PDB file of N, CA and C in Angstrom:
ATOM      1  N   UNK A   1       0.853  -1.160   0.030  1.00  0.00           N
ATOM      2  CA  UNK A   1      -0.027   0.028  -0.004  1.00  0.00           C
ATOM      3  C   UNK A   1       0.886   1.272   0.026  1.00  0.00           C
ATOM      4  N   UNK A   2       2.021   1.153   0.620  1.00  0.00           N
ATOM      5  CA  UNK A   2       2.906   2.311   0.650  1.00  0.00           C
ATOM      6  C   UNK A   2       3.410   2.725  -0.759  1.00  0.00           C
ATOM      7  N   UNK A   3       3.643   1.734  -1.554  1.00  0.00           N
ATOM      8  CA  UNK A   3       4.166   2.000  -2.936  1.00  0.00           C
ATOM      9  C   UNK A   3       3.183   2.836  -3.756  1.00  0.00           C
ATOM     10  N   UNK A   4       1.885   2.561  -3.553  1.00  0.00           N
ATOM     11  CA  UNK A   4       0.916   3.321  -4.297  1.00  0.00           C
ATOM     12  C   UNK A   4       0.901   4.778  -3.903  1.00  0.00           C
ATOM     13  N   UNK A   5       1.161   5.027  -2.587  1.00  0.00           N
ATOM     14  CA  UNK A   5       1.213   6.455  -2.113  1.00  0.00           C
ATOM     15  C   UNK A   5       2.488   7.116  -2.687  1.00  0.00           C
ATOM     16  N   UNK A   6       3.579   6.392  -2.713  1.00  0.00           N
ATOM     17  CA  UNK A   6       4.837   6.958  -3.349  1.00  0.00           C
ATOM     18  C   UNK A   6       4.598   7.245  -4.807  1.00  0.00           C
ATOM     19  N   UNK A   7       4.010   6.302  -5.521  1.00  0.00           N
ATOM     20  CA  UNK A   7       3.819   6.564  -6.998  1.00  0.00           C
ATOM     21  C   UNK A   7       2.859   7.696  -7.249  1.00  0.00           C
ATOM     22  N   UNK A   8       1.831   7.899  -6.402  1.00  0.00           N
ATOM     23  CA  UNK A   8       0.930   9.071  -6.590  1.00  0.00           C
ATOM     24  C   UNK A   8       1.736  10.329  -6.263  1.00  0.00           C
ATOM     25  N   UNK A   9       2.503  10.336  -5.293  1.00  0.00           N
ATOM     26  CA  UNK A   9       3.303  11.559  -4.971  1.00  0.00           C
ATOM     27  C   UNK A   9       4.237  11.884  -6.095  1.00  0.00           C
ATOM     28  N   UNK A  10       4.909  10.895  -6.569  1.00  0.00           N
ATOM     29  CA  UNK A  10       5.942  11.049  -7.662  1.00  0.00           C
ATOM     30  C   UNK A  10       5.209  11.577  -8.912  1.00  0.00           C
ATOM     31  N   UNK A  11       4.018  10.918  -9.271  1.00  0.00           N
ATOM     32  CA  UNK A  11       3.288  11.418 -10.412  1.00  0.00           C
ATOM     33  C   UNK A  11       2.819  12.820 -10.290  1.00  0.00           C
ATOM     34  N   UNK A  12       2.400  13.231  -9.094  1.00  0.00           N
ATOM     35  CA  UNK A  12       2.028  14.604  -8.952  1.00  0.00           C
ATOM     36  C   UNK A  12       3.195  15.644  -9.106  1.00  0.00           C
ATOM     37  N   UNK A  13       4.334  15.201  -8.588  1.00  0.00           N
ATOM     38  CA  UNK A  13       5.459  16.041  -8.743  1.00  0.00           C
ATOM     39  C   UNK A  13       5.901  16.182 -10.249  1.00  0.00           C
ATOM     40  N   UNK A  14       5.868  15.129 -10.930  1.00  0.00           N
ATOM     41  CA  UNK A  14       6.183  15.157 -12.372  1.00  0.00           C
ATOM     42  C   UNK A  14       5.168  15.954 -13.111  1.00  0.00           C
ATOM     43  N   UNK A  15       3.859  15.796 -12.811  1.00  0.00           N
ATOM     44  CA  UNK A  15       2.782  16.561 -13.486  1.00  0.00           C
ATOM     45  C   UNK A  15       2.976  18.084 -13.131  1.00  0.00           C
ATOM     46  N   UNK A  16       3.399  18.377 -11.955  1.00  0.00           N
ATOM     47  CA  UNK A  16       3.559  19.766 -11.557  1.00  0.00           C
ATOM     48  C   UNK A  16       4.757  20.340 -12.330  1.00  0.00           C
ATOM     49  N   UNK A  17       5.734  19.509 -12.524  1.00  0.00           N
ATOM     50  CA  UNK A  17       6.900  20.024 -13.331  1.00  0.00           C
ATOM     51  C   UNK A  17       6.568  20.315 -14.751  1.00  0.00           C
ATOM     52  N   UNK A  18       5.738  19.393 -15.362  1.00  0.00           N
ATOM     53  CA  UNK A  18       5.280  19.723 -16.731  1.00  0.00           C
ATOM     54  C   UNK A  18       4.401  20.944 -16.801  1.00  0.00           C
ATOM     55  N   UNK A  19       3.559  21.124 -15.794  1.00  0.00           N
ATOM     56  CA  UNK A  19       2.628  22.235 -15.759  1.00  0.00           C
ATOM     57  C   UNK A  19       3.496  23.582 -15.631  1.00  0.00           C
ATOM     58  N   UNK A  20       4.494  23.534 -14.732  1.00  0.00           N
ATOM     59  CA  UNK A  20       5.432  24.678 -14.613  1.00  0.00           C
ATOM     60  C   UNK A  20       6.180  24.967 -15.916  1.00  0.00           C
ATOM     61  N   UNK A  21       6.610  23.933 -16.574  1.00  0.00           N
ATOM     62  CA  UNK A  21       7.285  24.124 -17.893  1.00  0.00           C
ATOM     63  C   UNK A  21       6.348  24.716 -18.982  1.00  0.00           C
ATOM     64  N   UNK A  22       5.094  24.316 -18.934  1.00  0.00           N
ATOM     65  CA  UNK A  22       4.164  24.868 -19.856  1.00  0.00           C
ATOM     66  C   UNK A  22       3.912  26.315 -19.608  1.00  0.00           C
ATOM     67  N   UNK A  23       3.661  26.719 -18.335  1.00  0.00           N
ATOM     68  CA  UNK A  23       3.519  28.112 -17.968  1.00  0.00           C
ATOM     69  C   UNK A  23       4.707  28.979 -18.334  1.00  0.00           C
ATOM     70  N   UNK A  24       5.905  28.400 -18.111  1.00  0.00           N
ATOM     71  CA  UNK A  24       7.140  29.117 -18.438  1.00  0.00           C
ATOM     72  C   UNK A  24       7.188  29.354 -19.950  1.00  0.00           C
ATOM     73  N   UNK A  25       6.825  28.358 -20.726  1.00  0.00           N
ATOM     74  CA  UNK A  25       6.855  28.513 -22.208  1.00  0.00           C
ATOM     75  C   UNK A  25       5.833  29.543 -22.624  1.00  0.00           C
ATOM     76  N   UNK A  26       4.657  29.547 -22.142  1.00  0.00           N
ATOM     77  CA  UNK A  26       3.659  30.488 -22.474  1.00  0.00           C
ATOM     78  C   UNK A  26       4.112  31.909 -22.074  1.00  0.00           C
ATOM     79  N   UNK A  27       4.632  32.068 -20.883  1.00  0.00           N
ATOM     80  CA  UNK A  27       5.151  33.414 -20.449  1.00  0.00           C
ATOM     81  C   UNK A  27       6.238  33.882 -21.300  1.00  0.00           C
ATOM     82  N   UNK A  28       7.091  33.034 -21.850  1.00  0.00           N
ATOM     83  CA  UNK A  28       8.267  33.456 -22.676  1.00  0.00           C
ATOM     84  C   UNK A  28       7.959  33.615 -24.153  1.00  0.00           C
ATOM     85  N   UNK A  29       6.592  33.453 -24.505  1.00  0.00           N
ATOM     86  CA  UNK A  29       6.196  33.719 -25.830  1.00  0.00           C
ATOM     87  C   UNK A  29       6.390  32.542 -26.846  1.00  0.00           C
ATOM     88  N   UNK A  30       6.426  31.380 -26.416  1.00  0.00           N
ATOM     89  CA  UNK A  30       6.619  30.151 -27.318  1.00  0.00           C
ATOM     90  C   UNK A  30       5.393  30.022 -28.158  1.00  0.00           C
ATOM     91  N   UNK A  31       4.263  30.480 -27.773  1.00  0.00           N
ATOM     92  CA  UNK A  31       3.010  30.190 -28.524  1.00  0.00           C
ATOM     93  C   UNK A  31       2.446  31.468 -29.184  1.00  0.00           C
ATOM     94  N   UNK A  32       3.242  32.538 -29.314  1.00  0.00           N
ATOM     95  CA  UNK A  32       2.736  33.831 -29.777  1.00  0.00           C
ATOM     96  C   UNK A  32       2.526  33.804 -31.342  1.00  0.00           C
ATOM     97  N   UNK A  33       3.201  33.006 -32.031  1.00  0.00           N
ATOM     98  CA  UNK A  33       3.134  33.071 -33.558  1.00  0.00           C
ATOM     99  C   UNK A  33       1.948  32.286 -34.036  1.00  0.00           C
ATOM    100  N   UNK A  34       0.955  33.077 -34.502  1.00  0.00           N
ATOM    101  CA  UNK A  34      -0.305  32.451 -34.964  1.00  0.00           C
ATOM    102  C   UNK A  34      -0.426  32.401 -36.486  1.00  0.00           C
ATOM    103  N   UNK A  35       0.445  33.151 -37.175  1.00  0.00           N
ATOM    104  CA  UNK A  35       0.380  33.262 -38.616  1.00  0.00           C
ATOM    105  C   UNK A  35       1.252  32.210 -39.349  1.00  0.00           C
ATOM    106  N   UNK A  36       2.460  32.047 -38.912  1.00  0.00           N
ATOM    107  CA  UNK A  36       3.417  31.247 -39.661  1.00  0.00           C
ATOM    108  C   UNK A  36       2.978  29.761 -39.782  1.00  0.00           C
ATOM    109  N   UNK A  37       2.429  28.994 -38.786  1.00  0.00           N
ATOM    110  CA  UNK A  37       2.100  27.719 -39.022  1.00  0.00           C
ATOM    111  C   UNK A  37       1.065  27.499 -40.102  1.00  0.00           C
ATOM    112  N   UNK A  38       0.217  28.412 -40.322  1.00  0.00           N
ATOM    113  CA  UNK A  38      -0.791  28.371 -41.337  1.00  0.00           C
ATOM    114  C   UNK A  38      -0.260  28.418 -42.714  1.00  0.00           C
ATOM    115  N   UNK A  39       0.815  29.151 -42.916  1.00  0.00           N
ATOM    116  CA  UNK A  39       1.375  29.345 -44.272  1.00  0.00           C
ATOM    117  C   UNK A  39       2.753  28.648 -44.450  1.00  0.00           C
ATOM    118  N   UNK A  40       3.164  27.906 -43.478  1.00  0.00           N
ATOM    119  CA  UNK A  40       4.487  27.265 -43.611  1.00  0.00           C
ATOM    120  C   UNK A  40       4.490  26.244 -44.625  1.00  0.00           C
ATOM    121  N   UNK A  41       3.355  25.521 -44.849  1.00  0.00           N
ATOM    122  CA  UNK A  41       3.297  24.510 -45.863  1.00  0.00           C
ATOM    123  C   UNK A  41       3.423  25.141 -47.295  1.00  0.00           C
ATOM    124  N   UNK A  42       3.030  26.378 -47.401  1.00  0.00           N
ATOM    125  CA  UNK A  42       3.134  27.086 -48.661  1.00  0.00           C
ATOM    126  C   UNK A  42       4.489  27.584 -48.971  1.00  0.00           C
ATOM    127  N   UNK A  43       5.254  27.906 -47.865  1.00  0.00           N
ATOM    128  CA  UNK A  43       6.526  28.535 -48.002  1.00  0.00           C
ATOM    129  C   UNK A  43       7.746  27.531 -48.055  1.00  0.00           C
ATOM    130  N   UNK A  44       7.568  26.284 -47.582  1.00  0.00           N
ATOM    131  CA  UNK A  44       8.688  25.391 -47.466  1.00  0.00           C
ATOM    132  C   UNK A  44       9.300  25.035 -48.791  1.00  0.00           C
ATOM    133  N   UNK A  45       8.505  24.840 -49.852  1.00  0.00           N
ATOM    134  CA  UNK A  45       9.045  24.439 -51.157  1.00  0.00           C
ATOM    135  C   UNK A  45       9.891  25.559 -51.771  1.00  0.00           C
ATOM    136  N   UNK A  46       9.447  26.789 -51.605  1.00  0.00           N
ATOM    137  CA  UNK A  46      10.236  27.867 -52.083  1.00  0.00           C
ATOM    138  C   UNK A  46      11.597  28.011 -51.387  1.00  0.00           C
ATOM    139  N   UNK A  47      11.596  27.767 -50.117  1.00  0.00           N
ATOM    140  CA  UNK A  47      12.817  27.872 -49.328  1.00  0.00           C
ATOM    141  C   UNK A  47      13.825  26.743 -49.701  1.00  0.00           C
ATOM    142  N   UNK A  48      13.269  25.559 -49.932  1.00  0.00           N
ATOM    143  CA  UNK A  48      14.176  24.450 -50.336  1.00  0.00           C
ATOM    144  C   UNK A  48      14.736  24.634 -51.632  1.00  0.00           C
ATOM    145  N   UNK A  49      13.912  25.171 -52.664  1.00  0.00           N
ATOM    146  CA  UNK A  49      14.398  25.345 -53.994  1.00  0.00           C
ATOM    147  C   UNK A  49      15.539  26.429 -53.954  1.00  0.00           C
ATOM    148  N   UNK A  50      15.449  27.455 -53.263  1.00  0.00           N
ATOM    149  CA  UNK A  50      16.420  28.537 -53.201  1.00  0.00           C
ATOM    150  C   UNK A  50      17.712  28.045 -52.537  1.00  0.00           C
ATOM    151  N   UNK A  51      17.637  27.166 -51.537  1.00  0.00           N
ATOM    152  CA  UNK A  51      18.819  26.712 -50.815  1.00  0.00           C
ATOM    153  C   UNK A  51      19.523  25.605 -51.548  1.00  0.00           C
ATOM    154  N   UNK A  52      18.832  24.838 -52.434  1.00  0.00           N
ATOM    155  CA  UNK A  52      19.443  23.754 -53.089  1.00  0.00           C
ATOM    156  C   UNK A  52      20.011  24.098 -54.448  1.00  0.00           C
ATOM    157  N   UNK A  53      19.893  25.342 -54.957  1.00  0.00           N
ATOM    158  CA  UNK A  53      20.451  25.702 -56.257  1.00  0.00           C
ATOM    159  C   UNK A  53      21.962  25.730 -56.163  1.00  0.00           C
ATOM    160  N   UNK A  54      22.545  25.067 -57.201  1.00  0.00           N
ATOM    161  CA  UNK A  54      23.975  24.990 -57.267  1.00  0.00           C
ATOM    162  C   UNK A  54      24.577  25.803 -58.373  1.00  0.00           C
ATOM    163  N   UNK A  55      23.665  26.483 -59.225  1.00  0.00           N
ATOM    164  CA  UNK A  55      24.176  27.292 -60.317  1.00  0.00           C
ATOM    165  C   UNK A  55      24.612  28.641 -59.862  1.00  0.00           C
TER     166      UNK A  55
END
């Protein structure tokens, strides 16, 4: 029975760590870009063609 208590405590600590990392990422602007993901699929081919030209 004690091992279940330890596992619950450890899982809560890990979940708290992930929650803290998420809030840190949001506070530092990791999710601010709303435009680029929608057009990235349109821009990738042009970027690859320009970078791969050997002439």
